[in-house]
Amino acid sequence: MGLKMDEKIRDIALQTLEIEIETLENLKSSINEDFVSAVKAIFNSHGRVVVTGIGKSAIVAQKIVATMNSTGTPALFMHAADAIHGDLGMIRTDDIIICISKSGDTPEIKVLVPILKNFGNPLIAIAANEDSFLARSADFLLLTPIGKEADPNNLAPTASTTAQMSMGDAIATALLALRGFSSADFAQFHPGGALGKQLYLRVADIYVQHESPFVSERESVQNTIVEMTSKRLGAVAVVDEYRKVLGIITDGDLRRMLEKKEDFSTLYAGAIMSRNPIILFRDELAVRALELMRIKSITQLIIVDDNNAYLGMVHLHDLLREGII
């Protein structure tokens, strides 16, 4: 019984994915002249994109609005059922309306569409039925055809909402490209959370949060250990008189030294340091520091200024604290 149930679960899940993959394959034919014209109309508009729908299509509409807003296209959501009870007041003269409906023939859509047409705003339809009331009324039809829904009863919106959401993504990313929207622009709209920090947080914002351990090349090992321990970063930079980096000593270097030497009273920092350490300039993104740590299997990076003078260190724990990882 248990094995049969496991097999049934896998079969249903795989069938669901296969149906939705087929739906997306069929969606490629809808990237046609109407799609291009709709995107150009939005791009050339001086207003916003108002996205509306009902039921599961309304949820998809909210996601499309969120994607557009985060990628440089001002957008807002208007629930189709609420529109005729006052929410139509949010529509401005220069706005473009996207109406989403699988059938295109629901009672709410049949009431709403004529009103929208009277407003005179361009109307883009995302619908699965090209003969529907919505499709025939729209200025641009973005067809999202489906053979069937992915659930075994062919009832729950699954393949249809996948197609709708993907069409919305296609519109948003096409507009993103037309606007020349960059990662810096994306960071401006996503200042919070790990995603935003990956796009704007620099190592210069991090190394200043703690002390910067360093010693000269001729410093005793004893004093080097004190410097490393007091600054609590598990490493110390070795610099010359101009603060140019000569090397780095990590707690691992100290352990290896202790394994080889019983008496280190006469040793100095330059004798045990690792030369050519990995460094980053202060204007580099923190996510670059994480990338180097992963590649090099290290936990600290030395930060320098434009003249290669030592400034401080960034530790893996700093990146964890900032939510970069």
C-alpha atoms as a PDB file:
ATOM      1  CA  MET A   1       0.000   0.000   0.000  1.00  0.00           C
ATOM      2  CA  GLY A   2       2.760   2.418   0.956  1.00  0.00           C
ATOM      3  CA  LEU A   3       4.796   1.816  -2.210  1.00  0.00           C
ATOM      4  CA  LYS A   4       1.721   2.124  -4.427  1.00  0.00           C
ATOM      5  CA  MET A   5       0.789   5.399  -2.773  1.00  0.00           C
ATOM      6  CA  ASP A   6       4.338   6.745  -3.236  1.00  0.00           C
ATOM      7  CA  GLU A   7       4.257   5.796  -6.904  1.00  0.00           C
ATOM      8  CA  LYS A   8       0.854   7.413  -7.378  1.00  0.00           C
ATOM      9  CA  ILE A   9       2.080  10.655  -5.787  1.00  0.00           C
ATOM     10  CA  ARG A  10       5.093  10.784  -8.084  1.00  0.00           C
ATOM     11  CA  ASP A  11       3.005   9.959 -11.159  1.00  0.00           C
ATOM     12  CA  ILE A  12       0.472  12.702 -10.449  1.00  0.00           C
ATOM     13  CA  ALA A  13       3.194  15.263  -9.746  1.00  0.00           C
ATOM     14  CA  LEU A  14       5.067  14.389 -12.942  1.00  0.00           C
ATOM     15  CA  GLN A  15       1.861  14.482 -14.963  1.00  0.00           C
ATOM     16  CA  THR A  16       1.117  17.930 -13.574  1.00  0.00           C
ATOM     17  CA  LEU A  17       4.523  19.212 -14.613  1.00  0.00           C
ATOM     18  CA  GLU A  18       4.259  17.643 -18.057  1.00  0.00           C
ATOM     19  CA  ILE A  19       0.895  19.319 -18.692  1.00  0.00           C
ATOM     20  CA  GLU A  20       2.195  22.692 -17.559  1.00  0.00           C
ATOM     21  CA  ILE A  21       5.381  22.331 -19.614  1.00  0.00           C
ATOM     22  CA  GLU A  22       3.247  21.543 -22.682  1.00  0.00           C
ATOM     23  CA  THR A  23       1.112  24.589 -21.903  1.00  0.00           C
ATOM     24  CA  LEU A  24       4.179  26.823 -21.848  1.00  0.00           C
ATOM     25  CA  GLU A  25       5.470  25.312 -25.089  1.00  0.00           C
ATOM     26  CA  ASN A  26       2.154  26.168 -26.747  1.00  0.00           C
ATOM     27  CA  LEU A  27       2.339  29.676 -25.299  1.00  0.00           C
ATOM     28  CA  LYS A  28       5.310  30.505 -27.526  1.00  0.00           C
ATOM     29  CA  SER A  29       3.000  30.967 -30.512  1.00  0.00           C
ATOM     30  CA  SER A  30       1.260  33.795 -28.640  1.00  0.00           C
ATOM     31  CA  ILE A  31       4.405  35.923 -28.726  1.00  0.00           C
ATOM     32  CA  ASN A  32       3.126  37.504 -31.925  1.00  0.00           C
ATOM     33  CA  GLU A  33       2.365  40.921 -33.380  1.00  0.00           C
ATOM     34  CA  ASP A  34      -0.342  41.589 -30.806  1.00  0.00           C
ATOM     35  CA  PHE A  35       2.155  40.865 -28.035  1.00  0.00           C
ATOM     36  CA  VAL A  36       4.747  43.208 -29.562  1.00  0.00           C
ATOM     37  CA  SER A  37       2.146  45.938 -30.068  1.00  0.00           C
ATOM     38  CA  ALA A  38       0.851  45.571 -26.508  1.00  0.00           C
ATOM     39  CA  VAL A  39       4.339  45.865 -25.030  1.00  0.00           C
ATOM     40  CA  LYS A  40       5.116  48.907 -27.195  1.00  0.00           C
ATOM     41  CA  ALA A  41       1.843  50.531 -26.140  1.00  0.00           C
ATOM     42  CA  ILE A  42       2.777  50.117 -22.471  1.00  0.00           C
ATOM     43  CA  PHE A  43       6.329  51.304 -23.086  1.00  0.00           C
ATOM     44  CA  ASN A  44       5.161  54.458 -24.887  1.00  0.00           C
ATOM     45  CA  SER A  45       2.413  55.206 -22.394  1.00  0.00           C
ATOM     46  CA  HIS A  46       2.753  58.055 -19.908  1.00  0.00           C
ATOM     47  CA  GLY A  47       0.441  56.326 -17.460  1.00  0.00           C
ATOM     48  CA  ARG A  48       0.421  53.149 -15.413  1.00  0.00           C
ATOM     49  CA  VAL A  49      -0.623  49.586 -16.084  1.00  0.00           C
ATOM     50  CA  VAL A  50      -3.868  48.645 -14.338  1.00  0.00           C
ATOM     51  CA  VAL A  51      -4.187  44.871 -14.090  1.00  0.00           C
ATOM     52  CA  THR A  52      -7.546  43.315 -13.264  1.00  0.00           C
ATOM     53  CA  GLY A  53      -9.132  39.898 -12.932  1.00  0.00           C
ATOM     54  CA  ILE A  54     -11.360  37.795 -10.717  1.00  0.00           C
ATOM     55  CA  GLY A  55     -10.845  34.574  -8.771  1.00  0.00           C
ATOM     56  CA  LYS A  56      -7.458  32.929  -9.364  1.00  0.00           C
ATOM     57  CA  SER A  57      -6.865  35.338 -12.244  1.00  0.00           C
ATOM     58  CA  ALA A  58      -7.014  38.182  -9.710  1.00  0.00           C
ATOM     59  CA  ILE A  59      -4.216  36.538  -7.733  1.00  0.00           C
ATOM     60  CA  VAL A  60      -2.161  36.241 -10.918  1.00  0.00           C
ATOM     61  CA  ALA A  61      -2.904  39.906 -11.638  1.00  0.00           C
ATOM     62  CA  GLN A  62      -1.476  40.898  -8.261  1.00  0.00           C
ATOM     63  CA  LYS A  63       1.702  38.964  -8.983  1.00  0.00           C
ATOM     64  CA  ILE A  64       2.078  40.623 -12.391  1.00  0.00           C
ATOM     65  CA  VAL A  65       1.615  44.041 -10.781  1.00  0.00           C
ATOM     66  CA  ALA A  66       4.309  43.234  -8.223  1.00  0.00           C
ATOM     67  CA  THR A  67       6.716  42.105 -10.937  1.00  0.00           C
ATOM     68  CA  MET A  68       6.112  45.213 -13.047  1.00  0.00           C
ATOM     69  CA  ASN A  69       6.540  47.588 -10.128  1.00  0.00           C
ATOM     70  CA  SER A  70       9.820  45.959  -9.148  1.00  0.00           C
ATOM     71  CA  THR A  71      11.197  46.153 -12.687  1.00  0.00           C
ATOM     72  CA  GLY A  72      10.461  49.771 -13.525  1.00  0.00           C
ATOM     73  CA  THR A  73       6.905  49.674 -14.921  1.00  0.00           C
ATOM     74  CA  PRO A  74       4.410  51.467 -12.634  1.00  0.00           C
ATOM     75  CA  ALA A  75       1.393  49.226 -12.118  1.00  0.00           C
ATOM     76  CA  LEU A  76      -1.560  48.704  -9.802  1.00  0.00           C
ATOM     77  CA  PHE A  77      -4.133  46.003  -9.159  1.00  0.00           C
ATOM     78  CA  MET A  78      -7.888  46.467  -9.521  1.00  0.00           C
ATOM     79  CA  HIS A  79     -10.182  43.585  -8.575  1.00  0.00           C
ATOM     80  CA  ALA A  80     -12.772  43.054 -11.300  1.00  0.00           C
ATOM     81  CA  ALA A  81     -15.606  42.593  -8.815  1.00  0.00           C
ATOM     82  CA  ASP A  82     -14.699  45.752  -6.883  1.00  0.00           C
ATOM     83  CA  ALA A  83     -14.192  47.841 -10.010  1.00  0.00           C
ATOM     84  CA  ILE A  84     -17.891  48.476 -10.574  1.00  0.00           C
ATOM     85  CA  HIS A  85     -18.329  49.444  -6.917  1.00  0.00           C
ATOM     86  CA  GLY A  86     -16.011  52.412  -6.921  1.00  0.00           C
ATOM     87  CA  ASP A  87     -12.534  51.130  -7.752  1.00  0.00           C
ATOM     88  CA  LEU A  88     -12.835  52.332 -11.363  1.00  0.00           C
ATOM     89  CA  GLY A  89     -11.920  55.710  -9.928  1.00  0.00           C
ATOM     90  CA  MET A  90      -8.287  54.613  -9.785  1.00  0.00           C
ATOM     91  CA  ILE A  91      -8.008  54.585 -13.587  1.00  0.00           C
ATOM     92  CA  ARG A  92      -6.412  57.651 -15.148  1.00  0.00           C
ATOM     93  CA  THR A  93      -6.568  58.896 -18.718  1.00  0.00           C
ATOM     94  CA  ASP A  94      -3.109  57.660 -19.755  1.00  0.00           C
ATOM     95  CA  ASP A  95      -3.339  54.252 -18.081  1.00  0.00           C
ATOM     96  CA  ILE A  96      -3.352  50.970 -19.969  1.00  0.00           C
ATOM     97  CA  ILE A  97      -5.561  48.140 -18.703  1.00  0.00           C
ATOM     98  CA  ILE A  98      -4.737  44.441 -18.707  1.00  0.00           C
ATOM     99  CA  CYS A  99      -7.725  42.187 -18.058  1.00  0.00           C
ATOM    100  CA  ILE A 100      -7.050  38.541 -17.209  1.00  0.00           C
ATOM    101  CA  SER A 101      -9.651  35.790 -17.563  1.00  0.00           C
ATOM    102  CA  LYS A 102      -9.398  32.153 -18.577  1.00  0.00           C
ATOM    103  CA  SER A 103     -12.828  31.976 -20.208  1.00  0.00           C
ATOM    104  CA  GLY A 104     -13.224  35.667 -20.974  1.00  0.00           C
ATOM    105  CA  ASP A 105     -16.972  35.209 -20.534  1.00  0.00           C
ATOM    106  CA  THR A 106     -17.623  35.424 -16.782  1.00  0.00           C
ATOM    107  CA  PRO A 107     -20.509  37.696 -15.693  1.00  0.00           C
ATOM    108  CA  GLU A 108     -18.131  40.106 -13.971  1.00  0.00           C
ATOM    109  CA  ILE A 109     -16.007  40.455 -17.084  1.00  0.00           C
ATOM    110  CA  LYS A 110     -19.070  41.049 -19.291  1.00  0.00           C
ATOM    111  CA  VAL A 111     -20.135  43.882 -16.997  1.00  0.00           C
ATOM    112  CA  LEU A 112     -16.680  45.387 -16.592  1.00  0.00           C
ATOM    113  CA  VAL A 113     -15.323  45.326 -20.136  1.00  0.00           C
ATOM    114  CA  PRO A 114     -17.903  47.665 -21.745  1.00  0.00           C
ATOM    115  CA  ILE A 115     -17.316  50.172 -18.962  1.00  0.00           C
ATOM    116  CA  LEU A 116     -13.562  49.990 -19.527  1.00  0.00           C
ATOM    117  CA  LYS A 117     -14.089  50.482 -23.260  1.00  0.00           C
ATOM    118  CA  ASN A 118     -16.139  53.611 -22.538  1.00  0.00           C
ATOM    119  CA  PHE A 119     -13.196  54.990 -20.580  1.00  0.00           C
ATOM    120  CA  GLY A 120     -11.194  54.928 -23.801  1.00  0.00           C
ATOM    121  CA  ASN A 121      -8.072  53.366 -22.247  1.00  0.00           C
ATOM    122  CA  PRO A 122      -6.253  50.726 -24.335  1.00  0.00           C
ATOM    123  CA  LEU A 123      -7.381  47.265 -23.233  1.00  0.00           C
ATOM    124  CA  ILE A 124      -5.083  44.233 -23.297  1.00  0.00           C
ATOM    125  CA  ALA A 125      -6.743  40.847 -22.818  1.00  0.00           C
ATOM    126  CA  ILE A 126      -4.980  37.783 -21.416  1.00  0.00           C
ATOM    127  CA  ALA A 127      -7.442  34.998 -22.151  1.00  0.00           C
ATOM    128  CA  ALA A 128      -7.512  31.327 -23.131  1.00  0.00           C
ATOM    129  CA  ASN A 129     -10.513  31.653 -25.465  1.00  0.00           C
ATOM    130  CA  GLU A 130      -9.990  33.807 -28.549  1.00  0.00           C
ATOM    131  CA  ASP A 131     -13.756  33.778 -29.287  1.00  0.00           C
ATOM    132  CA  SER A 132     -14.689  35.071 -25.836  1.00  0.00           C
ATOM    133  CA  PHE A 133     -16.359  38.396 -25.070  1.00  0.00           C
ATOM    134  CA  LEU A 134     -13.138  39.718 -23.539  1.00  0.00           C
ATOM    135  CA  ALA A 135     -10.967  38.631 -26.458  1.00  0.00           C
ATOM    136  CA  ARG A 136     -13.268  40.202 -29.043  1.00  0.00           C
ATOM    137  CA  SER A 137     -13.494  43.451 -27.082  1.00  0.00           C
ATOM    138  CA  ALA A 138      -9.807  43.979 -26.430  1.00  0.00           C
ATOM    139  CA  ASP A 139      -7.430  46.149 -28.428  1.00  0.00           C
ATOM    140  CA  PHE A 140      -4.718  43.510 -28.017  1.00  0.00           C
ATOM    141  CA  LEU A 141      -5.248  39.806 -27.371  1.00  0.00           C
ATOM    142  CA  LEU A 142      -2.521  37.825 -25.618  1.00  0.00           C
ATOM    143  CA  LEU A 143      -3.827  34.310 -26.013  1.00  0.00           C
ATOM    144  CA  THR A 144      -3.018  31.785 -23.283  1.00  0.00           C
ATOM    145  CA  PRO A 145      -4.423  28.559 -24.727  1.00  0.00           C
ATOM    146  CA  ILE A 146      -4.568  25.390 -22.667  1.00  0.00           C
ATOM    147  CA  GLY A 147      -5.518  21.854 -23.598  1.00  0.00           C
ATOM    148  CA  LYS A 148      -6.583  21.045 -20.062  1.00  0.00           C
ATOM    149  CA  GLU A 149      -5.884  21.916 -16.474  1.00  0.00           C
ATOM    150  CA  ALA A 150      -3.222  19.888 -14.703  1.00  0.00           C
ATOM    151  CA  ASP A 151      -5.416  18.478 -11.944  1.00  0.00           C
ATOM    152  CA  PRO A 152      -6.973  15.019 -12.529  1.00  0.00           C
ATOM    153  CA  ASN A 153     -10.507  16.516 -12.720  1.00  0.00           C
ATOM    154  CA  ASN A 154      -9.549  19.260 -15.177  1.00  0.00           C
ATOM    155  CA  LEU A 155     -11.144  21.823 -12.863  1.00  0.00           C
ATOM    156  CA  ALA A 156      -8.616  23.600 -10.634  1.00  0.00           C
ATOM    157  CA  PRO A 157      -6.821  26.555 -12.255  1.00  0.00           C
ATOM    158  CA  THR A 158      -3.322  25.169 -12.698  1.00  0.00           C
ATOM    159  CA  ALA A 159      -2.119  25.125 -16.295  1.00  0.00           C
ATOM    160  CA  SER A 160      -4.236  28.204 -17.041  1.00  0.00           C
ATOM    161  CA  THR A 161      -2.743  30.272 -14.216  1.00  0.00           C
ATOM    162  CA  THR A 162       0.742  29.052 -15.148  1.00  0.00           C
ATOM    163  CA  ALA A 163       0.161  30.391 -18.662  1.00  0.00           C
ATOM    164  CA  GLN A 164      -1.241  33.685 -17.373  1.00  0.00           C
ATOM    165  CA  MET A 165       1.640  34.238 -14.998  1.00  0.00           C
ATOM    166  CA  SER A 166       4.213  33.389 -17.658  1.00  0.00           C
ATOM    167  CA  MET A 167       2.604  35.811 -20.092  1.00  0.00           C
ATOM    168  CA  GLY A 168       2.821  38.494 -17.418  1.00  0.00           C
ATOM    169  CA  ASP A 169       6.489  37.692 -16.881  1.00  0.00           C
ATOM    170  CA  ALA A 170       7.086  37.917 -20.628  1.00  0.00           C
ATOM    171  CA  ILE A 171       5.519  41.388 -20.726  1.00  0.00           C
ATOM    172  CA  ALA A 172       7.448  42.600 -17.682  1.00  0.00           C
ATOM    173  CA  THR A 173      10.823  41.341 -18.878  1.00  0.00           C
ATOM    174  CA  ALA A 174      10.297  42.742 -22.378  1.00  0.00           C
ATOM    175  CA  LEU A 175       9.554  46.135 -20.832  1.00  0.00           C
ATOM    176  CA  LEU A 176      12.555  45.767 -18.537  1.00  0.00           C
ATOM    177  CA  ALA A 177      14.814  45.289 -21.555  1.00  0.00           C
ATOM    178  CA  LEU A 178      13.275  48.220 -23.446  1.00  0.00           C
ATOM    179  CA  ARG A 179      13.814  50.504 -20.466  1.00  0.00           C
ATOM    180  CA  GLY A 180      17.427  49.410 -20.054  1.00  0.00           C
ATOM    181  CA  PHE A 181      16.592  48.473 -16.473  1.00  0.00           C
ATOM    182  CA  SER A 182      19.860  47.487 -14.754  1.00  0.00           C
ATOM    183  CA  SER A 183      20.812  45.598 -11.615  1.00  0.00           C
ATOM    184  CA  ALA A 184      21.473  48.969  -9.988  1.00  0.00           C
ATOM    185  CA  ASP A 185      17.911  50.038 -10.791  1.00  0.00           C
ATOM    186  CA  PHE A 186      16.661  46.738  -9.402  1.00  0.00           C
ATOM    187  CA  ALA A 187      18.546  47.353  -6.166  1.00  0.00           C
ATOM    188  CA  GLN A 188      16.937  50.780  -5.864  1.00  0.00           C
ATOM    189  CA  PHE A 189      13.505  49.152  -5.862  1.00  0.00           C
ATOM    190  CA  HIS A 190      14.618  46.298  -3.553  1.00  0.00           C
ATOM    191  CA  PRO A 191      16.572  47.982  -0.749  1.00  0.00           C
ATOM    192  CA  GLY A 192      15.445  45.519   1.891  1.00  0.00           C
ATOM    193  CA  GLY A 193      16.240  41.868   2.463  1.00  0.00           C
ATOM    194  CA  ALA A 194      18.961  39.620   1.143  1.00  0.00           C
ATOM    195  CA  LEU A 195      18.143  40.295  -2.509  1.00  0.00           C
ATOM    196  CA  GLY A 196      18.559  44.026  -2.148  1.00  0.00           C
ATOM    197  CA  LYS A 197      21.756  43.700  -0.160  1.00  0.00           C
ATOM    198  CA  GLN A 198      23.296  41.467  -2.802  1.00  0.00           C
ATOM    199  CA  LEU A 199      22.770  44.257  -5.299  1.00  0.00           C
ATOM    200  CA  TYR A 200      23.939  47.269  -3.318  1.00  0.00           C
ATOM    201  CA  LEU A 201      25.846  46.331  -0.130  1.00  0.00           C
ATOM    202  CA  ARG A 202      29.583  46.924  -0.529  1.00  0.00           C
ATOM    203  CA  VAL A 203      32.501  45.657   1.514  1.00  0.00           C
ATOM    204  CA  ALA A 204      33.176  49.279   2.497  1.00  0.00           C
ATOM    205  CA  ASP A 205      29.906  49.154   4.451  1.00  0.00           C
ATOM    206  CA  ILE A 206      31.092  46.097   6.387  1.00  0.00           C
ATOM    207  CA  TYR A 207      34.790  46.324   7.285  1.00  0.00           C
ATOM    208  CA  VAL A 208      34.246  49.583   9.181  1.00  0.00           C
ATOM    209  CA  GLN A 209      31.967  47.782  11.665  1.00  0.00           C
ATOM    210  CA  HIS A 210      34.907  46.304  13.559  1.00  0.00           C
ATOM    211  CA  GLU A 211      38.574  46.934  14.253  1.00  0.00           C
ATOM    212  CA  SER A 212      41.226  46.184  11.611  1.00  0.00           C
ATOM    213  CA  PRO A 213      43.926  43.810  12.850  1.00  0.00           C
ATOM    214  CA  PHE A 214      47.403  44.291  11.384  1.00  0.00           C
ATOM    215  CA  VAL A 215      51.083  43.915  12.296  1.00  0.00           C
ATOM    216  CA  SER A 216      54.386  44.690  10.683  1.00  0.00           C
ATOM    217  CA  GLU A 217      56.495  42.025   9.038  1.00  0.00           C
ATOM    218  CA  ARG A 218      59.016  42.151  11.930  1.00  0.00           C
ATOM    219  CA  GLU A 219      56.405  41.899  14.703  1.00  0.00           C
ATOM    220  CA  SER A 220      56.895  39.032  17.141  1.00  0.00           C
ATOM    221  CA  VAL A 221      54.582  36.055  16.942  1.00  0.00           C
ATOM    222  CA  GLN A 222      53.568  36.662  20.542  1.00  0.00           C
ATOM    223  CA  ASN A 223      52.353  40.180  19.753  1.00  0.00           C
ATOM    224  CA  THR A 224      50.778  38.916  16.534  1.00  0.00           C
ATOM    225  CA  ILE A 225      48.690  36.442  18.538  1.00  0.00           C
ATOM    226  CA  VAL A 226      47.620  39.229  20.903  1.00  0.00           C
ATOM    227  CA  GLU A 227      46.591  41.447  17.963  1.00  0.00           C
ATOM    228  CA  MET A 228      44.638  38.641  16.315  1.00  0.00           C
ATOM    229  CA  THR A 229      42.909  37.637  19.525  1.00  0.00           C
ATOM    230  CA  SER A 230      41.953  41.176  20.550  1.00  0.00           C
ATOM    231  CA  LYS A 231      40.394  42.027  17.178  1.00  0.00           C
ATOM    232  CA  ARG A 232      38.428  38.748  17.096  1.00  0.00           C
ATOM    233  CA  LEU A 233      38.494  38.136  13.329  1.00  0.00           C
ATOM    234  CA  GLY A 234      40.628  35.014  13.310  1.00  0.00           C
ATOM    235  CA  ALA A 235      43.299  36.645  11.184  1.00  0.00           C
ATOM    236  CA  VAL A 236      45.706  39.545  11.015  1.00  0.00           C
ATOM    237  CA  ALA A 237      47.118  41.395   8.011  1.00  0.00           C
ATOM    238  CA  VAL A 238      50.857  41.880   7.640  1.00  0.00           C
ATOM    239  CA  VAL A 239      51.667  45.295   6.170  1.00  0.00           C
ATOM    240  CA  ASP A 240      54.696  47.459   5.410  1.00  0.00           C
ATOM    241  CA  GLU A 241      55.325  51.017   6.576  1.00  0.00           C
ATOM    242  CA  TYR A 242      52.961  52.345   3.883  1.00  0.00           C
ATOM    243  CA  ARG A 243      50.205  49.897   4.926  1.00  0.00           C
ATOM    244  CA  LYS A 244      50.683  47.920   1.716  1.00  0.00           C
ATOM    245  CA  VAL A 245      49.632  44.307   2.292  1.00  0.00           C
ATOM    246  CA  LEU A 246      52.465  41.804   2.415  1.00  0.00           C
ATOM    247  CA  GLY A 247      50.516  38.811   3.646  1.00  0.00           C
ATOM    248  CA  ILE A 248      47.987  37.402   6.082  1.00  0.00           C
ATOM    249  CA  ILE A 249      48.229  35.209   9.174  1.00  0.00           C
ATOM    250  CA  THR A 250      45.144  33.204  10.079  1.00  0.00           C
ATOM    251  CA  ASP A 251      44.428  31.080  13.107  1.00  0.00           C
ATOM    252  CA  GLY A 252      45.098  28.126  10.813  1.00  0.00           C
ATOM    253  CA  ASP A 253      48.614  29.434  10.129  1.00  0.00           C
ATOM    254  CA  LEU A 254      49.194  29.668  13.880  1.00  0.00           C
ATOM    255  CA  ARG A 255      48.014  26.094  14.464  1.00  0.00           C
ATOM    256  CA  ARG A 256      50.315  24.802  11.746  1.00  0.00           C
ATOM    257  CA  MET A 257      53.218  26.755  13.258  1.00  0.00           C
ATOM    258  CA  LEU A 258      52.559  25.282  16.693  1.00  0.00           C
ATOM    259  CA  GLU A 259      52.583  21.783  15.213  1.00  0.00           C
ATOM    260  CA  LYS A 260      56.056  22.399  13.801  1.00  0.00           C
ATOM    261  CA  LYS A 261      57.647  24.652  16.430  1.00  0.00           C
ATOM    262  CA  GLU A 262      57.849  24.158  20.171  1.00  0.00           C
ATOM    263  CA  ASP A 263      59.718  27.437  20.651  1.00  0.00           C
ATOM    264  CA  PHE A 264      58.461  30.389  18.624  1.00  0.00           C
ATOM    265  CA  SER A 265      59.866  33.154  20.835  1.00  0.00           C
ATOM    266  CA  THR A 266      62.302  34.206  18.112  1.00  0.00           C
ATOM    267  CA  LEU A 267      59.862  33.981  15.205  1.00  0.00           C
ATOM    268  CA  TYR A 268      58.359  37.065  13.616  1.00  0.00           C
ATOM    269  CA  ALA A 269      55.185  37.605  11.620  1.00  0.00           C
ATOM    270  CA  GLY A 270      56.837  37.639   8.207  1.00  0.00           C
ATOM    271  CA  ALA A 271      58.176  34.116   8.741  1.00  0.00           C
ATOM    272  CA  ILE A 272      54.768  32.502   9.170  1.00  0.00           C
ATOM    273  CA  MET A 273      52.488  34.677   7.038  1.00  0.00           C
ATOM    274  CA  SER A 274      50.806  33.472   3.851  1.00  0.00           C
ATOM    275  CA  ARG A 275      51.913  35.646   0.973  1.00  0.00           C
ATOM    276  CA  ASN A 276      49.667  36.929  -1.826  1.00  0.00           C
ATOM    277  CA  PRO A 277      46.418  36.878   0.173  1.00  0.00           C
ATOM    278  CA  ILE A 278      43.057  37.406  -1.508  1.00  0.00           C
ATOM    279  CA  ILE A 279      42.153  41.108  -1.411  1.00  0.00           C
ATOM    280  CA  LEU A 280      39.173  43.179  -2.457  1.00  0.00           C
ATOM    281  CA  PHE A 281      38.863  46.873  -3.179  1.00  0.00           C
ATOM    282  CA  ARG A 282      36.508  48.717  -0.851  1.00  0.00           C
ATOM    283  CA  ASP A 283      33.955  49.496  -3.584  1.00  0.00           C
ATOM    284  CA  GLU A 284      33.368  45.826  -4.454  1.00  0.00           C
ATOM    285  CA  LEU A 285      29.972  44.330  -3.699  1.00  0.00           C
ATOM    286  CA  ALA A 286      29.699  42.174  -0.591  1.00  0.00           C
ATOM    287  CA  VAL A 287      28.304  39.353  -2.698  1.00  0.00           C
ATOM    288  CA  ARG A 288      31.630  39.299  -4.549  1.00  0.00           C
ATOM    289  CA  ALA A 289      33.360  38.733  -1.206  1.00  0.00           C
ATOM    290  CA  LEU A 290      31.092  35.754  -0.592  1.00  0.00           C
ATOM    291  CA  GLU A 291      31.852  34.383  -4.044  1.00  0.00           C
ATOM    292  CA  LEU A 292      35.614  34.567  -3.445  1.00  0.00           C
ATOM    293  CA  MET A 293      35.310  32.962  -0.019  1.00  0.00           C
ATOM    294  CA  ARG A 294      33.434  30.058  -1.548  1.00  0.00           C
ATOM    295  CA  ILE A 295      35.879  29.629  -4.429  1.00  0.00           C
ATOM    296  CA  LYS A 296      38.983  29.890  -2.251  1.00  0.00           C
ATOM    297  CA  SER A 297      37.524  28.077   0.797  1.00  0.00           C
ATOM    298  CA  ILE A 298      38.489  30.921   3.126  1.00  0.00           C
ATOM    299  CA  THR A 299      36.635  32.864   5.804  1.00  0.00           C
ATOM    300  CA  GLN A 300      38.346  36.281   5.681  1.00  0.00           C
ATOM    301  CA  LEU A 301      39.187  38.790   2.980  1.00  0.00           C
ATOM    302  CA  ILE A 302      41.496  41.783   3.195  1.00  0.00           C
ATOM    303  CA  ILE A 303      40.044  45.105   2.034  1.00  0.00           C
ATOM    304  CA  VAL A 304      42.243  47.792   0.463  1.00  0.00           C
ATOM    305  CA  ASP A 305      41.766  51.287  -0.924  1.00  0.00           C
ATOM    306  CA  ASP A 306      42.428  52.449  -4.481  1.00  0.00           C
ATOM    307  CA  ASN A 307      46.145  52.690  -3.665  1.00  0.00           C
ATOM    308  CA  ASN A 308      46.251  49.102  -2.370  1.00  0.00           C
ATOM    309  CA  ALA A 309      46.651  50.336   1.212  1.00  0.00           C
ATOM    310  CA  TYR A 310      45.198  48.116   3.927  1.00  0.00           C
ATOM    311  CA  LEU A 311      41.822  49.182   5.347  1.00  0.00           C
ATOM    312  CA  GLY A 312      40.446  46.195   7.202  1.00  0.00           C
ATOM    313  CA  MET A 313      38.843  42.774   6.854  1.00  0.00           C
ATOM    314  CA  VAL A 314      35.524  41.186   6.015  1.00  0.00           C
ATOM    315  CA  HIS A 315      34.723  37.891   7.723  1.00  0.00           C
ATOM    316  CA  LEU A 316      32.253  35.233   6.646  1.00  0.00           C
ATOM    317  CA  HIS A 317      30.309  35.960   9.828  1.00  0.00           C
ATOM    318  CA  ASP A 318      29.835  39.547   8.620  1.00  0.00           C
ATOM    319  CA  LEU A 319      28.091  38.278   5.499  1.00  0.00           C
ATOM    320  CA  LEU A 320      25.941  35.933   7.559  1.00  0.00           C
ATOM    321  CA  ARG A 321      24.945  38.809   9.834  1.00  0.00           C
ATOM    322  CA  GLU A 322      24.024  40.990   6.871  1.00  0.00           C
ATOM    323  CA  GLY A 323      21.861  38.256   5.368  1.00  0.00           C
ATOM    324  CA  ILE A 324      23.935  37.929   2.198  1.00  0.00           C
ATOM    325  CA  ILE A 325      24.091  34.158   2.601  1.00  0.00           C
END
